C-alpha atoms as a PDB file:
ATOM      1  CA  MET A   1     366.836  84.316 170.376  1.00  0.00           C
ATOM      2  CA  LYS A   2     367.178  80.559 169.831  1.00  0.00           C
ATOM      3  CA  LYS A   3     370.113  78.337 170.709  1.00  0.00           C
ATOM      4  CA  ILE A   4     370.397  75.611 168.070  1.00  0.00           C
ATOM      5  CA  LEU A   5     372.232  72.287 168.218  1.00  0.00           C
ATOM      6  CA  LEU A   6     372.852  70.907 164.726  1.00  0.00           C
ATOM      7  CA  LEU A   7     373.808  67.302 164.153  1.00  0.00           C
ATOM      8  CA  SER A   8     373.721  64.714 161.404  1.00  0.00           C
ATOM      9  CA  ASP A   9     374.673  61.162 160.560  1.00  0.00           C
ATOM     10  CA  THR A  10     374.066  59.612 163.962  1.00  0.00           C
ATOM     11  CA  HIS A  11     373.622  56.192 162.305  1.00  0.00           C
ATOM     12  CA  SER A  12     371.645  54.837 165.314  1.00  0.00           C
ATOM     13  CA  HIS A  13     374.093  56.232 167.885  1.00  0.00           C
ATOM     14  CA  ILE A  14     372.990  58.421 170.806  1.00  0.00           C
ATOM     15  CA  ASP A  15     374.946  58.862 174.016  1.00  0.00           C
ATOM     16  CA  ASP A  16     375.207  61.029 177.117  1.00  0.00           C
ATOM     17  CA  THR A  17     377.600  63.453 175.417  1.00  0.00           C
ATOM     18  CA  ILE A  18     375.122  64.211 172.637  1.00  0.00           C
ATOM     19  CA  LEU A  19     372.245  64.431 175.130  1.00  0.00           C
ATOM     20  CA  LYS A  20     374.226  66.867 177.321  1.00  0.00           C
ATOM     21  CA  TYR A  21     374.394  69.298 174.394  1.00  0.00           C
ATOM     22  CA  VAL A  22     370.753  68.623 173.492  1.00  0.00           C
ATOM     23  CA  ALA A  23     369.757  69.737 177.001  1.00  0.00           C
ATOM     24  CA  GLN A  24     371.612  73.048 176.541  1.00  0.00           C
ATOM     25  CA  ALA A  25     369.814  73.949 173.278  1.00  0.00           C
ATOM     26  CA  ASP A  26     366.419  75.503 172.632  1.00  0.00           C
ATOM     27  CA  GLU A  27     365.943  73.385 169.484  1.00  0.00           C
ATOM     28  CA  VAL A  28     367.795  70.481 167.887  1.00  0.00           C
ATOM     29  CA  TRP A  29     368.101  70.115 164.118  1.00  0.00           C
ATOM     30  CA  HIS A  30     369.116  66.754 162.611  1.00  0.00           C
ATOM     31  CA  ALA A  31     370.241  66.656 158.968  1.00  0.00           C
ATOM     32  CA  GLY A  32     369.511  62.992 158.289  1.00  0.00           C
ATOM     33  CA  ASP A  33     370.895  59.464 158.482  1.00  0.00           C
ATOM     34  CA  ILE A  34     369.211  58.992 161.817  1.00  0.00           C
ATOM     35  CA  GLY A  35     369.357  55.202 161.818  1.00  0.00           C
ATOM     36  CA  ASP A  36     367.249  53.901 164.676  1.00  0.00           C
ATOM     37  CA  LEU A  37     364.371  56.221 165.619  1.00  0.00           C
ATOM     38  CA  ALA A  38     365.398  55.726 169.262  1.00  0.00           C
ATOM     39  CA  VAL A  39     367.873  58.547 168.479  1.00  0.00           C
ATOM     40  CA  THR A  40     365.195  61.085 167.576  1.00  0.00           C
ATOM     41  CA  ASP A  41     362.859  59.787 170.306  1.00  0.00           C
ATOM     42  CA  ALA A  42     365.571  60.484 172.922  1.00  0.00           C
ATOM     43  CA  ILE A  43     366.120  63.990 171.553  1.00  0.00           C
ATOM     44  CA  LYS A  44     362.371  64.760 171.406  1.00  0.00           C
ATOM     45  CA  LYS A  45     362.019  63.834 175.093  1.00  0.00           C
ATOM     46  CA  LEU A  46     364.302  66.770 175.914  1.00  0.00           C
ATOM     47  CA  LYS A  47     363.848  69.440 173.220  1.00  0.00           C
ATOM     48  CA  PRO A  48     361.898  70.325 170.075  1.00  0.00           C
ATOM     49  CA  LEU A  49     363.368  68.588 167.023  1.00  0.00           C
ATOM     50  CA  ARG A  50     363.433  69.517 163.337  1.00  0.00           C
ATOM     51  CA  CYS A  51     364.718  66.642 161.240  1.00  0.00           C
ATOM     52  CA  VAL A  52     364.970  65.173 157.745  1.00  0.00           C
ATOM     53  CA  TYR A  53     365.540  61.595 156.698  1.00  0.00           C
ATOM     54  CA  GLY A  54     368.723  60.479 155.003  1.00  0.00           C
ATOM     55  CA  ASN A  55     369.718  57.796 152.534  1.00  0.00           C
ATOM     56  CA  ILE A  56     370.186  55.083 155.199  1.00  0.00           C
ATOM     57  CA  ASP A  57     366.857  55.760 156.900  1.00  0.00           C
ATOM     58  CA  ASP A  58     364.053  53.219 156.644  1.00  0.00           C
ATOM     59  CA  ALA A  59     360.359  53.567 155.849  1.00  0.00           C
ATOM     60  CA  LYS A  60     359.483  54.449 159.475  1.00  0.00           C
ATOM     61  CA  ALA A  61     361.857  57.418 159.437  1.00  0.00           C
ATOM     62  CA  ARG A  62     360.593  58.472 156.001  1.00  0.00           C
ATOM     63  CA  LEU A  63     357.026  58.485 157.322  1.00  0.00           C
ATOM     64  CA  GLU A  64     357.962  60.583 160.342  1.00  0.00           C
ATOM     65  CA  PHE A  65     360.360  63.060 158.740  1.00  0.00           C
ATOM     66  CA  PRO A  66     360.491  64.808 155.323  1.00  0.00           C
ATOM     67  CA  LEU A  67     363.275  64.739 152.728  1.00  0.00           C
ATOM     68  CA  HIS A  68     363.419  68.563 152.828  1.00  0.00           C
ATOM     69  CA  ASN A  69     362.492  70.759 155.776  1.00  0.00           C
ATOM     70  CA  ARG A  70     362.196  74.458 154.991  1.00  0.00           C
ATOM     71  CA  PHE A  71     361.040  76.831 157.709  1.00  0.00           C
ATOM     72  CA  MET A  72     361.595  80.200 159.334  1.00  0.00           C
ATOM     73  CA  CYS A  73     363.508  80.417 162.592  1.00  0.00           C
ATOM     74  CA  GLU A  74     363.090  83.929 163.900  1.00  0.00           C
ATOM     75  CA  GLY A  75     364.042  85.978 160.810  1.00  0.00           C
ATOM     76  CA  VAL A  76     366.141  83.278 159.093  1.00  0.00           C
ATOM     77  CA  ASP A  77     364.873  81.191 156.167  1.00  0.00           C
ATOM     78  CA  VAL A  78     366.305  77.696 156.811  1.00  0.00           C
ATOM     79  CA  TRP A  79     366.437  74.725 154.456  1.00  0.00           C
ATOM     80  CA  ILE A  80     367.603  71.335 155.757  1.00  0.00           C
ATOM     81  CA  THR A  81     368.108  68.296 153.517  1.00  0.00           C
ATOM     82  CA  HIS A  82     370.432  65.323 153.795  1.00  0.00           C
ATOM     83  CA  ILE A  83     372.184  65.186 150.416  1.00  0.00           C
ATOM     84  CA  GLY A  84     372.511  68.809 149.356  1.00  0.00           C
ATOM     85  CA  GLY A  85     376.108  69.309 148.355  1.00  0.00           C
ATOM     86  CA  TYR A  86     377.930  72.540 149.078  1.00  0.00           C
ATOM     87  CA  PRO A  87     378.701  75.872 147.379  1.00  0.00           C
ATOM     88  CA  GLY A  88     379.795  75.275 143.817  1.00  0.00           C
ATOM     89  CA  LYS A  89     378.750  71.612 144.007  1.00  0.00           C
ATOM     90  CA  TYR A  90     375.063  71.560 144.941  1.00  0.00           C
ATOM     91  CA  ASN A  91     373.041  68.429 144.295  1.00  0.00           C
ATOM     92  CA  PRO A  92     371.371  68.732 140.865  1.00  0.00           C
ATOM     93  CA  ASN A  93     368.000  67.873 142.465  1.00  0.00           C
ATOM     94  CA  ILE A  94     368.028  71.107 144.492  1.00  0.00           C
ATOM     95  CA  LYS A  95     369.832  73.433 142.107  1.00  0.00           C
ATOM     96  CA  ALA A  96     366.704  74.939 140.479  1.00  0.00           C
ATOM     97  CA  GLU A  97     365.158  75.809 143.855  1.00  0.00           C
ATOM     98  CA  MET A  98     368.498  77.167 145.064  1.00  0.00           C
ATOM     99  CA  GLU A  99     368.675  79.472 142.039  1.00  0.00           C
ATOM    100  CA  SER A 100     365.075  80.702 142.188  1.00  0.00           C
ATOM    101  CA  ASN A 101     364.540  80.872 145.958  1.00  0.00           C
ATOM    102  CA  PRO A 102     367.724  80.489 148.016  1.00  0.00           C
ATOM    103  CA  PRO A 103     367.400  80.286 151.812  1.00  0.00           C
ATOM    104  CA  LYS A 104     369.563  82.317 154.188  1.00  0.00           C
ATOM    105  CA  LEU A 105     370.814  79.113 155.849  1.00  0.00           C
ATOM    106  CA  PHE A 106     371.282  75.859 153.918  1.00  0.00           C
ATOM    107  CA  ILE A 107     372.038  72.735 155.968  1.00  0.00           C
ATOM    108  CA  CYS A 108     372.888  69.235 154.869  1.00  0.00           C
ATOM    109  CA  GLY A 109     374.671  66.146 156.140  1.00  0.00           C
ATOM    110  CA  HIS A 110     375.755  62.990 154.297  1.00  0.00           C
ATOM    111  CA  SER A 111     379.465  63.706 153.728  1.00  0.00           C
ATOM    112  CA  HIS A 112     380.531  63.246 157.389  1.00  0.00           C
ATOM    113  CA  ILE A 113     382.753  66.303 156.774  1.00  0.00           C
ATOM    114  CA  LEU A 114     382.112  69.392 158.889  1.00  0.00           C
ATOM    115  CA  LYS A 115     381.897  72.476 156.678  1.00  0.00           C
ATOM    116  CA  VAL A 116     380.675  76.005 157.239  1.00  0.00           C
ATOM    117  CA  ILE A 117     380.938  78.093 154.074  1.00  0.00           C
ATOM    118  CA  PHE A 118     379.451  81.411 153.021  1.00  0.00           C
ATOM    119  CA  ASP A 119     378.116  81.095 149.473  1.00  0.00           C
ATOM    120  CA  LYS A 120     378.600  84.492 147.804  1.00  0.00           C
ATOM    121  CA  LYS A 121     376.675  83.438 144.682  1.00  0.00           C
ATOM    122  CA  TYR A 122     373.429  82.792 146.581  1.00  0.00           C
ATOM    123  CA  ASN A 123     374.169  85.011 149.604  1.00  0.00           C
ATOM    124  CA  LEU A 124     373.617  82.169 152.067  1.00  0.00           C
ATOM    125  CA  LEU A 125     375.424  80.326 154.816  1.00  0.00           C
ATOM    126  CA  HIS A 126     375.994  76.614 154.179  1.00  0.00           C
ATOM    127  CA  MET A 127     376.456  74.268 157.158  1.00  0.00           C
ATOM    128  CA  ASN A 128     377.263  70.584 157.417  1.00  0.00           C
ATOM    129  CA  PRO A 129     377.820  69.490 161.041  1.00  0.00           C
ATOM    130  CA  GLY A 130     379.870  66.415 160.113  1.00  0.00           C
ATOM    131  CA  ALA A 131     378.851  63.176 161.820  1.00  0.00           C
ATOM    132  CA  ALA A 132     377.770  62.672 165.438  1.00  0.00           C
ATOM    133  CA  GLY A 133     377.591  58.882 165.116  1.00  0.00           C
ATOM    134  CA  LYS A 134     380.260  56.219 165.154  1.00  0.00           C
ATOM    135  CA  SER A 135     379.678  54.708 161.677  1.00  0.00           C
ATOM    136  CA  GLY A 136     381.627  56.045 158.715  1.00  0.00           C
ATOM    137  CA  PHE A 137     385.109  57.139 157.737  1.00  0.00           C
ATOM    138  CA  HIS A 138     385.297  60.270 159.916  1.00  0.00           C
ATOM    139  CA  GLN A 139     387.839  60.231 162.733  1.00  0.00           C
ATOM    140  CA  VAL A 140     386.267  62.735 165.130  1.00  0.00           C
ATOM    141  CA  ARG A 141     382.545  62.977 165.903  1.00  0.00           C
ATOM    142  CA  THR A 142     381.273  66.542 165.468  1.00  0.00           C
ATOM    143  CA  MET A 143     378.223  68.774 165.886  1.00  0.00           C
ATOM    144  CA  LEU A 144     377.610  72.519 165.583  1.00  0.00           C
ATOM    145  CA  ARG A 145     375.826  74.912 167.845  1.00  0.00           C
ATOM    146  CA  PHE A 146     374.899  78.509 167.184  1.00  0.00           C
ATOM    147  CA  VAL A 147     372.403  81.212 168.001  1.00  0.00           C
ATOM    148  CA  ILE A 148     369.747  82.707 165.767  1.00  0.00           C
ATOM    149  CA  GLU A 149     368.677  86.148 166.887  1.00  0.00           C
ATOM    150  CA  GLY A 150     366.297  87.951 164.577  1.00  0.00           C
ATOM    151  CA  ASP A 151     367.865  87.610 161.138  1.00  0.00           C
ATOM    152  CA  LYS A 152     371.388  87.001 162.490  1.00  0.00           C
ATOM    153  CA  ILE A 153     373.255  83.688 162.810  1.00  0.00           C
ATOM    154  CA  LYS A 154     375.955  84.095 165.438  1.00  0.00           C
ATOM    155  CA  ASP A 155     378.066  82.552 168.211  1.00  0.00           C
ATOM    156  CA  MET A 156     378.888  79.420 166.212  1.00  0.00           C
ATOM    157  CA  GLU A 157     380.809  76.679 167.981  1.00  0.00           C
ATOM    158  CA  ILE A 158     382.225  73.416 166.692  1.00  0.00           C
ATOM    159  CA  ILE A 159     381.675  70.578 169.137  1.00  0.00           C
ATOM    160  CA  GLU A 160     384.278  67.851 168.809  1.00  0.00           C
ATOM    161  CA  MET A 161     383.560  64.663 170.678  1.00  0.00           C
ATOM    162  CA  GLU A 162     385.919  61.759 171.264  1.00  0.00           C
ATOM    163  CA  LYS A 163     387.522  59.995 168.343  1.00  0.00           C
ATOM    164  CA  ARG A 164     385.287  57.466 166.672  1.00  0.00           C
ATOM    165  CA  MET A 165     386.051  53.898 167.715  1.00  0.00           C
END
């Protein structure tokens, strides 16, 4: 069993609220637009991190993290990328892979809109944790946490932080 904290779009912002939830997780997954690598450095001091770079990330972030991160967590095939779209509107750059080899869990960021949708066409769960940072149009900062046990994804919680100022 693994307790996962999923966040995205920190845009160089890390604070005690985020770090409190990091400390409660077994692993942290970041779906891109990190901003300053001080964000991922702070997370890595506390917990293992799986991360991808996003469209705002610089060359340092792109050297440290991949564009796509596909891995197994327990019995769940996970694919994280920053600009992936959502069921019915996947990014054309990932559509062929999605059709030939869909994961069980597909995660992206970029939109700053929290979405959790089951995709019946590809039999997968799509997650976008919204935005944990303070830059962007979103009004409330959000993250997701959930448990992976064997091949099951369960106990999902939406974490809403204070309104973005």
